[in-house]
Amino acid sequence: MTHPKASPAVWVNGILNVNLKGTIGGTPVNLTSFATTSISTSFNELGGYNFSFEDNHGSSSQRAISISLRKLLDPAIAGYLENVVTERGIQLYDYEVTSSSDISVSQLNSGLYLYSLDNLQLSGKARHGDETRELTGNGYFFLQELTYPV
């Protein structure tokens, strides 16, 4: 049934497996690897969507890899962040990221896209410290554009 009043909507589903290494105070460390199906998506006011895979959402050990979907057929890694605990509570601790990852896109029909991260490779340096992170992994996600009745 078609609704005369409908709003744009988006549905997403996927998984990401990540191996994580880094340096803390100049010491190389193997950090906790993770697999996540926790996804956050929102509309970008400039068009397209903001998208991120998250691990431990809302906790002091949260981590997130952001992907820009401003152009659905040209996705780009937008960033990596972790949470830290300060006297003022949980704060975002973000990294300047370089990526050698390719995100392949298949448009399965007019509103359904499959994004594959077959060889995720990110390098990041903390914006407010000397810590570094090296992320490798793989995953995929579906994105469906649809309408939702108002």
Protein backbone atom coordinates (compact mmCIF):
# COMPACT_ATOMS: atom_id res chain seq x y z
CA MET A 1 0.00 0.00 0.00
CA THR A 2 1.36 3.42 -0.98
CA HIS A 3 1.19 6.17 1.61
CA PRO A 4 0.54 9.72 0.35
CA LYS A 5 2.85 11.06 3.06
CA ALA A 6 6.17 9.27 3.27
CA SER A 7 9.60 10.13 4.54
CA PRO A 8 12.94 8.94 3.16
CA ALA A 9 14.41 6.14 5.25
CA VAL A 10 17.41 3.85 5.19
CA TRP A 11 17.96 0.27 6.41
CA VAL A 12 21.46 -1.16 7.01
CA ASN A 13 22.83 -4.56 7.96
CA GLY A 14 26.39 -5.91 8.02
CA ILE A 15 29.43 -7.12 9.91
CA LEU A 16 33.02 -5.96 10.32
CA ASN A 17 35.97 -8.00 11.66
CA VAL A 18 38.91 -5.89 12.85
CA ASN A 19 42.44 -6.72 14.05
CA LEU A 20 43.92 -3.87 16.05
CA LYS A 21 47.54 -3.02 16.88
CA GLY A 22 49.08 0.19 18.07
CA THR A 23 51.65 2.03 20.10
CA ILE A 24 51.06 3.47 23.54
CA GLY A 25 53.84 5.63 24.97
CA GLY A 26 56.14 4.34 22.23
CA THR A 27 55.52 0.69 23.14
CA PRO A 28 54.03 -1.57 20.44
CA VAL A 29 50.95 -3.44 21.67
CA ASN A 30 48.45 -5.93 20.27
CA LEU A 31 45.05 -4.55 21.21
CA THR A 32 41.72 -6.33 21.42
CA SER A 33 40.44 -7.36 18.02
CA PHE A 34 36.71 -7.23 17.49
CA ALA A 35 33.83 -8.29 15.28
CA THR A 36 30.80 -6.04 15.26
CA THR A 37 27.35 -5.85 13.75
CA SER A 38 26.60 -2.61 15.62
CA ILE A 39 25.94 0.04 13.00
CA SER A 40 25.04 3.70 13.34
CA THR A 41 23.55 5.57 10.37
CA SER A 42 22.20 9.08 9.97
CA PHE A 43 21.27 11.46 7.18
CA ASN A 44 24.04 13.89 6.20
CA GLU A 45 22.70 17.44 5.77
CA LEU A 46 24.90 17.80 2.66
CA GLY A 47 23.39 14.68 1.08
CA GLY A 48 23.86 10.97 1.48
CA TYR A 49 24.52 9.31 4.82
CA ASN A 50 26.92 9.14 7.75
CA PHE A 51 27.74 5.54 8.62
CA SER A 52 29.86 3.83 11.26
CA PHE A 53 30.62 0.40 12.60
CA GLU A 54 30.81 0.58 16.40
CA ASP A 55 32.12 -1.71 19.12
CA ASN A 56 31.02 -1.36 22.77
CA HIS A 57 28.62 1.48 21.91
CA GLY A 58 28.15 3.91 24.79
CA SER A 59 30.84 2.42 27.01
CA SER A 60 34.25 3.71 28.03
CA SER A 61 35.89 1.30 25.58
CA GLN A 62 33.83 2.29 22.52
CA ARG A 63 35.55 2.26 19.13
CA ALA A 64 34.08 3.38 15.81
CA ILE A 65 35.12 3.33 12.17
CA SER A 66 33.25 5.96 10.14
CA ILE A 67 32.48 5.73 6.44
CA SER A 68 31.19 8.64 4.37
CA LEU A 69 28.33 7.71 2.08
CA ARG A 70 27.74 11.23 0.71
CA LYS A 71 28.04 9.63 -2.73
CA LEU A 72 26.55 6.15 -2.55
CA LEU A 73 28.73 4.78 -5.34
CA ASP A 74 31.91 6.41 -3.98
CA PRO A 75 32.25 5.57 -0.25
CA ALA A 76 35.26 6.76 1.74
CA ILE A 77 36.74 5.98 5.16
CA ALA A 78 36.00 9.10 7.21
CA GLY A 79 37.67 8.36 10.54
CA TYR A 80 38.42 6.24 13.57
CA LEU A 81 37.79 7.09 17.21
CA GLU A 82 37.94 5.59 20.66
CA ASN A 83 36.48 6.73 23.97
CA VAL A 84 38.60 7.82 26.92
CA VAL A 85 37.48 8.54 30.47
CA THR A 86 38.27 11.98 31.89
CA GLU A 87 37.26 13.85 35.04
CA ARG A 88 34.41 15.26 32.93
CA GLY A 89 33.21 11.82 31.86
CA ILE A 90 33.60 9.82 28.66
CA GLN A 91 35.16 11.82 25.81
CA LEU A 92 35.88 11.05 22.16
CA TYR A 93 39.54 10.44 21.30
CA ASP A 94 39.92 10.65 17.56
CA TYR A 95 42.69 9.76 15.18
CA GLU A 96 43.98 11.29 11.96
CA VAL A 97 43.48 8.39 9.58
CA THR A 98 45.06 7.33 6.33
CA SER A 99 43.52 4.44 4.47
CA SER A 100 44.71 2.14 1.75
CA SER A 101 41.36 0.35 1.81
CA ASP A 102 39.14 -0.13 -1.17
CA ILE A 103 35.42 -0.32 -0.55
CA SER A 104 33.78 -2.03 -3.50
CA VAL A 105 30.15 -1.19 -4.23
CA SER A 106 27.52 -3.25 -6.01
CA GLN A 107 24.17 -1.65 -6.77
CA LEU A 108 21.88 -4.67 -6.58
CA ASN A 109 18.75 -2.74 -7.59
CA SER A 110 17.59 0.90 -7.66
CA GLY A 111 17.64 1.25 -3.86
CA LEU A 112 19.86 -1.58 -2.60
CA TYR A 113 23.65 -1.40 -2.29
CA LEU A 114 26.25 -3.91 -1.10
CA TYR A 115 29.53 -2.47 0.24
CA SER A 116 32.48 -4.86 0.64
CA LEU A 117 35.55 -4.11 2.74
CA ASP A 118 37.65 -7.08 1.68
CA ASN A 119 41.01 -5.67 2.72
CA LEU A 120 40.45 -3.00 5.38
CA GLN A 121 43.73 -1.20 6.18
CA LEU A 122 43.76 1.95 8.30
CA SER A 123 46.59 3.79 10.00
CA GLY A 124 45.83 6.42 12.60
CA LYS A 125 47.68 8.85 14.85
CA ALA A 126 45.92 10.37 17.86
CA ARG A 127 45.12 14.06 17.35
CA HIS A 128 45.96 14.82 20.99
CA GLY A 129 48.79 12.40 21.74
CA ASP A 130 51.42 10.07 20.34
CA GLU A 131 49.33 6.90 20.26
CA THR A 132 48.97 5.12 16.93
CA ARG A 133 46.56 2.49 15.65
CA GLU A 134 46.80 0.00 12.80
CA LEU A 135 43.51 -1.61 11.82
CA THR A 136 43.15 -4.47 9.37
CA GLY A 137 40.17 -6.62 8.62
CA ASN A 138 37.21 -7.30 6.39
CA GLY A 139 33.46 -7.07 6.28
CA TYR A 140 30.46 -5.93 4.34
CA PHE A 141 27.18 -4.11 4.71
CA PHE A 142 23.92 -3.64 2.86
CA LEU A 143 22.21 -0.29 2.57
CA GLN A 144 18.61 0.00 1.35
CA GLU A 145 16.95 3.32 0.61
CA LEU A 146 13.20 3.23 1.16
CA THR A 147 10.30 5.35 2.30
CA TYR A 148 8.56 5.23 5.64
CA PRO A 149 4.97 6.39 6.22
CA VAL A 150 4.67 9.58 8.25
